[in-house]
Amino acid sequence: MPDLLRKPIGASGQAHNITPQAAGWRYVGFALHQLSAGDIVSEHTNDREVILVLVEGKAELTANGVDFGEMGDRMEVFEKTPPHCHYVPDHSQWQVTATTRLTLAVCSAPGLGGHKAQRLGPDGIALTQRGIDQNTRFINNIAMEDRDVADSLLVTEVFTPSGNWSSYPSHRHDEDNFPQMTYLEETYYHRLNPPQGFGVQRVYTEDGDLDETMTVKNGDVVLVPRGHHPCAAGYGYELYYFNVMAGPLRKWRFQNDPAHDWIAQRDAAQERTG
């Protein structure tokens, strides 16, 4: 199995390029570009759809020759405001020209020609709380299944406060067995505030065949090909992660680790009773 923890390959230009071939799976692609004003990134999508997310900074964007103008207003990711983002269908050409320092995420998965090029945010994205106590985190749902904006891609970003857990209790989505579960490959792009901090992510299966616990630092990517995948922020540091998921069905159905499902049941009961 390929290494699950991927370090940035550079401080400028393309920092990550996770292709299905490099990840050893079939669906998810994730690239990250660190650009200066005036830098240009341009690609043809071929048979894959793409969601472009301006994680930080501003840029001018064109898709299939249509100028969508300048996008972006979040200059630092931990401002937590909804990101500017754009959907580009398969068999299309896109170009991004940075107008400031820019962190650009390029999410890709198989396209089916079912959606047109369009802006996805910031309109329609609102920061929402999930969980309670030390499992509290805050979500910007960019392109989850409640938004019919893509053929395959599911994209979200999560802010986890200092010392808290996230993607927890442990859950998995590695079987094509809808409606009980959907098979979804997933990438986690991590950021820390302040940047010298660290978090921890574990990827494991219930039978112990896969069990890796990784120290994640600012800019790292973790691959989740299967199994449970909880993470935690070190005390004193906020943890941000950007998720890309895709599989044969664009739905997010998961099952908790039976050993820890009692936590989910207890917290759900507490939330219901206030």
Protein backbone atom coordinates (compact mmCIF):
# COMPACT_ATOMS: atom_id res chain seq x y z
CA MET A 1 0.00 0.00 0.00
CA PRO A 2 1.35 3.49 -0.83
CA ASP A 3 2.47 5.71 2.04
CA LEU A 4 -0.57 7.36 3.63
CA LEU A 5 1.28 10.48 4.83
CA ARG A 6 2.37 12.83 2.03
CA LYS A 7 4.65 15.79 2.70
CA PRO A 8 4.61 18.91 0.50
CA ILE A 9 6.98 18.57 -2.45
CA GLY A 10 7.79 22.29 -2.44
CA ALA A 11 7.08 25.61 -0.75
CA SER A 12 6.03 27.28 -4.02
CA GLY A 13 4.37 26.05 -7.17
CA GLN A 14 2.75 22.63 -6.95
CA ALA A 15 2.97 21.43 -3.34
CA HIS A 16 0.92 18.24 -3.80
CA ASN A 17 -0.16 16.13 -6.76
CA ILE A 18 -2.15 13.13 -5.52
CA THR A 19 -3.37 11.24 -8.60
CA PRO A 20 -5.39 8.02 -8.43
CA GLN A 21 -2.34 6.20 -9.78
CA ALA A 22 -0.04 7.69 -7.12
CA ALA A 23 -2.56 6.90 -4.38
CA GLY A 24 -3.20 3.34 -5.55
CA TRP A 25 -6.94 3.84 -5.89
CA ARG A 26 -9.56 4.70 -8.55
CA TYR A 27 -11.42 7.94 -7.94
CA VAL A 28 -9.96 10.85 -5.94
CA GLY A 29 -7.39 13.31 -7.23
CA PHE A 30 -6.03 16.21 -5.19
CA ALA A 31 -3.48 18.86 -6.14
CA LEU A 32 -2.40 21.95 -4.23
CA HIS A 33 -0.65 25.01 -5.68
CA GLN A 34 1.13 27.76 -3.73
CA LEU A 35 1.22 30.73 -6.11
CA SER A 36 2.42 34.32 -6.18
CA ALA A 37 0.57 37.18 -7.88
CA GLY A 38 0.82 36.73 -11.64
CA ASP A 39 1.38 32.95 -11.54
CA ILE A 40 -0.87 30.92 -13.85
CA VAL A 41 -2.14 27.35 -13.60
CA SER A 42 -4.04 25.88 -16.54
CA GLU A 43 -5.29 22.35 -17.22
CA HIS A 44 -7.66 20.31 -19.36
CA THR A 45 -9.97 18.14 -17.27
CA ASN A 46 -10.16 15.27 -19.81
CA ASP A 47 -12.61 12.68 -18.39
CA ARG A 48 -12.54 14.13 -14.86
CA GLU A 49 -14.60 16.85 -13.21
CA VAL A 50 -12.82 19.45 -11.07
CA ILE A 51 -13.70 21.67 -8.14
CA LEU A 52 -11.29 24.58 -7.70
CA VAL A 53 -11.14 26.03 -4.18
CA LEU A 54 -9.35 29.25 -3.28
CA VAL A 55 -8.15 28.15 0.15
CA GLU A 56 -6.42 31.51 0.59
CA GLY A 57 -6.03 34.52 -1.67
CA LYS A 58 -7.54 35.90 -4.87
CA ALA A 59 -7.42 34.88 -8.52
CA GLU A 60 -9.01 35.40 -11.92
CA LEU A 61 -10.65 32.30 -13.37
CA THR A 62 -11.72 31.22 -16.83
CA ALA A 63 -13.39 27.94 -17.87
CA ASN A 64 -13.92 26.94 -21.51
CA GLY A 65 -13.12 30.49 -22.56
CA VAL A 66 -15.70 32.07 -20.23
CA ASP A 67 -14.23 34.72 -17.92
CA PHE A 68 -15.67 34.39 -14.43
CA GLY A 69 -13.67 37.36 -13.15
CA GLU A 70 -11.74 37.72 -9.92
CA MET A 71 -12.66 35.42 -7.05
CA GLY A 72 -11.60 35.19 -3.43
CA ASP A 73 -11.64 37.30 -0.28
CA ARG A 74 -10.30 34.96 2.42
CA MET A 75 -6.63 35.80 2.74
CA GLU A 76 -5.87 33.45 5.64
CA VAL A 77 -7.60 30.09 5.99
CA PHE A 78 -8.19 30.48 9.74
CA GLU A 79 -10.44 33.48 9.08
CA LYS A 80 -12.98 30.62 8.69
CA THR A 81 -15.12 32.53 6.19
CA PRO A 82 -16.65 30.46 3.36
CA PRO A 83 -14.21 29.94 0.50
CA HIS A 84 -14.66 31.00 -3.10
CA CYS A 85 -14.84 27.90 -5.31
CA HIS A 86 -15.82 26.84 -8.81
CA TYR A 87 -16.99 23.67 -10.56
CA VAL A 88 -15.50 22.71 -13.95
CA PRO A 89 -17.00 19.70 -15.78
CA ASP A 90 -15.14 16.94 -17.57
CA HIS A 91 -13.77 17.64 -21.09
CA SER A 92 -13.20 21.30 -20.23
CA GLN A 93 -10.30 23.74 -19.99
CA TRP A 94 -9.69 25.96 -16.98
CA GLN A 95 -7.14 28.62 -16.08
CA VAL A 96 -6.44 30.37 -12.78
CA THR A 97 -4.29 33.53 -12.62
CA ALA A 98 -3.28 34.51 -9.10
CA THR A 99 -3.83 38.20 -8.32
CA THR A 100 -2.43 37.87 -4.77
CA ARG A 101 -0.56 35.18 -2.90
CA LEU A 102 -2.78 32.16 -3.52
CA THR A 103 -3.33 28.67 -2.11
CA LEU A 104 -5.34 26.79 -4.74
CA ALA A 105 -6.85 23.33 -4.18
CA VAL A 106 -7.72 21.27 -7.26
CA CYS A 107 -10.11 18.41 -6.49
CA SER A 108 -10.89 15.87 -9.20
CA ALA A 109 -12.88 12.68 -9.80
CA PRO A 110 -14.54 10.93 -12.75
CA GLY A 111 -16.99 13.23 -14.54
CA LEU A 112 -20.22 12.16 -16.21
CA GLY A 113 -21.17 15.37 -18.03
CA GLY A 114 -24.04 15.99 -15.64
CA HIS A 115 -23.22 19.51 -14.46
CA LYS A 116 -22.15 22.80 -16.01
CA ALA A 117 -19.33 25.14 -15.01
CA GLN A 118 -20.50 27.33 -12.14
CA ARG A 119 -19.48 29.17 -8.99
CA LEU A 120 -20.05 27.09 -5.84
CA GLY A 121 -19.16 29.59 -3.15
CA PRO A 122 -19.04 31.58 -0.99
CA ASP A 123 -22.80 31.87 -1.55
CA GLY A 124 -24.55 28.77 -0.26
CA ILE A 125 -21.80 27.86 2.22
CA ALA A 126 -22.22 28.60 5.93
CA LEU A 127 -19.94 27.68 8.83
CA THR A 128 -21.83 25.20 11.01
CA GLN A 129 -20.99 23.48 14.29
CA ARG A 130 -20.84 19.70 14.60
CA GLY A 131 -20.35 17.70 17.78
CA ILE A 132 -20.15 18.69 21.44
CA ASP A 133 -17.54 19.16 24.16
CA GLN A 134 -14.03 18.04 23.07
CA ASN A 135 -15.54 16.69 19.84
CA THR A 136 -16.74 20.12 18.65
CA ARG A 137 -15.63 21.24 15.20
CA PHE A 138 -16.85 23.70 12.56
CA ILE A 139 -17.70 22.80 8.96
CA ASN A 140 -17.83 24.62 5.62
CA ASN A 141 -19.69 22.17 3.37
CA ILE A 142 -18.49 23.12 -0.10
CA ALA A 143 -19.97 20.31 -2.17
CA MET A 144 -21.59 17.61 -0.07
CA GLU A 145 -24.55 15.59 -1.31
CA ASP A 146 -27.18 18.12 -0.19
CA ARG A 147 -25.82 20.37 -2.99
CA ASP A 148 -26.40 18.84 -6.42
CA VAL A 149 -23.33 20.44 -7.96
CA ALA A 150 -21.11 17.55 -9.10
CA ASP A 151 -21.22 14.06 -10.58
CA SER A 152 -18.76 12.35 -8.21
CA LEU A 153 -16.99 14.84 -5.95
CA LEU A 154 -17.76 15.50 -2.29
CA VAL A 155 -15.73 18.38 -0.80
CA THR A 156 -15.72 19.99 2.63
CA GLU A 157 -13.42 21.80 5.05
CA VAL A 158 -13.28 21.50 8.83
CA PHE A 159 -11.87 23.67 11.64
CA THR A 160 -11.03 21.78 14.84
CA PRO A 161 -10.33 23.86 17.97
CA SER A 162 -7.23 23.40 20.12
CA GLY A 163 -7.13 20.03 21.85
CA ASN A 164 -10.31 18.73 20.20
CA TRP A 165 -11.02 15.57 18.22
CA SER A 166 -12.51 15.43 14.74
CA SER A 167 -13.75 12.80 12.27
CA TYR A 168 -14.70 11.16 15.55
CA PRO A 169 -16.00 8.81 16.86
CA SER A 170 -14.05 6.67 14.42
CA HIS A 171 -15.99 5.90 11.24
CA ARG A 172 -15.39 4.24 7.89
CA HIS A 173 -16.89 4.38 4.40
CA ASP A 174 -15.07 1.64 2.51
CA GLU A 175 -17.85 -0.68 1.29
CA ASP A 176 -20.12 -0.21 -1.73
CA ASN A 177 -23.25 -1.21 0.19
CA PHE A 178 -25.75 1.64 -0.09
CA PRO A 179 -27.78 2.65 1.89
CA GLN A 180 -25.83 1.20 4.83
CA MET A 181 -22.45 2.45 3.56
CA THR A 182 -20.84 3.97 0.49
CA TYR A 183 -17.33 3.37 -0.82
CA LEU A 184 -15.49 6.69 -0.72
CA GLU A 185 -11.76 7.32 -1.05
CA GLU A 186 -10.64 10.41 0.85
CA THR A 187 -7.79 12.87 1.22
CA TYR A 188 -7.10 15.15 4.19
CA TYR A 189 -5.06 18.33 3.58
CA HIS A 190 -3.98 19.63 6.99
CA ARG A 191 -3.10 23.11 8.25
CA LEU A 192 -2.15 24.23 11.77
CA ASN A 193 -2.54 27.56 13.55
CA PRO A 194 0.08 28.60 14.61
CA PRO A 195 1.87 26.77 11.78
CA GLN A 196 4.57 25.13 13.93
CA GLY A 197 1.91 22.99 15.61
CA PHE A 198 0.94 19.39 14.99
CA GLY A 199 -2.04 17.08 14.99
CA VAL A 200 -2.48 13.32 15.01
CA GLN A 201 -4.40 11.14 12.57
CA ARG A 202 -4.97 7.41 12.81
CA VAL A 203 -6.10 5.23 9.87
CA TYR A 204 -7.07 1.72 10.88
CA THR A 205 -9.34 -1.24 10.17
CA GLU A 206 -11.24 -3.14 12.84
CA ASP A 207 -9.29 -6.34 12.16
CA GLY A 208 -5.94 -4.56 12.57
CA ASP A 209 -4.82 -5.31 9.01
CA LEU A 210 -4.26 -1.56 8.58
CA ASP A 211 -3.27 0.53 11.58
CA GLU A 212 -1.17 3.68 11.09
CA THR A 213 -0.95 6.64 13.46
CA MET A 214 0.64 9.72 11.92
CA THR A 215 1.88 13.07 13.20
CA VAL A 216 0.46 15.64 10.79
CA LYS A 217 2.14 19.00 10.33
CA ASN A 218 1.27 22.16 8.45
CA GLY A 219 0.70 21.35 4.77
CA ASP A 220 0.64 17.54 5.05
CA VAL A 221 -1.85 15.32 3.22
CA VAL A 222 -3.17 12.01 4.58
CA LEU A 223 -4.68 9.37 2.28
CA VAL A 224 -7.62 7.31 3.51
CA PRO A 225 -8.08 4.33 1.17
CA ARG A 226 -10.12 2.36 3.73
CA GLY A 227 -10.78 2.04 7.42
CA HIS A 228 -11.49 4.49 10.23
CA HIS A 229 -9.66 7.82 10.26
CA PRO A 230 -10.04 10.01 13.39
CA CYS A 231 -7.76 12.98 14.04
CA ALA A 232 -6.98 15.36 16.88
CA ALA A 233 -5.50 18.84 17.30
CA GLY A 234 -2.59 19.30 19.68
CA TYR A 235 -3.40 21.52 22.65
CA GLY A 236 -2.66 25.16 21.78
CA TYR A 237 -3.14 24.65 18.03
CA GLU A 238 -6.16 24.87 15.74
CA LEU A 239 -6.35 22.12 13.14
CA TYR A 240 -7.83 22.72 9.69
CA TYR A 241 -8.39 19.99 7.17
CA PHE A 242 -9.75 19.99 3.65
CA ASN A 243 -11.48 16.79 2.54
CA VAL A 244 -11.98 15.40 -0.95
CA MET A 245 -14.08 12.25 -1.31
CA ALA A 246 -15.33 10.28 -4.31
CA GLY A 247 -16.49 6.79 -5.22
CA PRO A 248 -19.02 4.99 -7.41
CA LEU A 249 -21.97 6.79 -5.75
CA ARG A 250 -22.04 10.46 -4.71
CA LYS A 251 -23.45 9.84 -1.25
CA TRP A 252 -21.79 9.89 2.17
CA ARG A 253 -22.89 6.92 4.25
CA PHE A 254 -20.58 5.63 6.97
CA GLN A 255 -20.52 3.31 9.96
CA ASN A 256 -18.91 4.00 13.31
CA ASP A 257 -16.37 1.66 14.84
CA PRO A 258 -18.56 -0.61 17.02
CA ALA A 259 -16.06 -0.26 19.87
CA HIS A 260 -16.62 3.51 20.01
CA ASP A 261 -20.18 3.93 18.72
CA TRP A 262 -21.40 4.38 22.30
CA ILE A 263 -19.81 7.82 22.27
CA ALA A 264 -21.86 8.85 19.23
CA GLN A 265 -25.04 7.50 20.81
CA ARG A 266 -24.37 9.26 24.13
CA ASP A 267 -23.57 12.59 22.49
CA ALA A 268 -26.60 12.41 20.19
CA ALA A 269 -28.83 11.83 23.20
CA GLN A 270 -27.24 14.77 25.01
CA GLU A 271 -27.76 17.04 21.99
CA ARG A 272 -31.43 16.02 21.78
CA THR A 273 -32.07 16.84 25.43
CA GLY A 274 -29.99 20.04 25.37
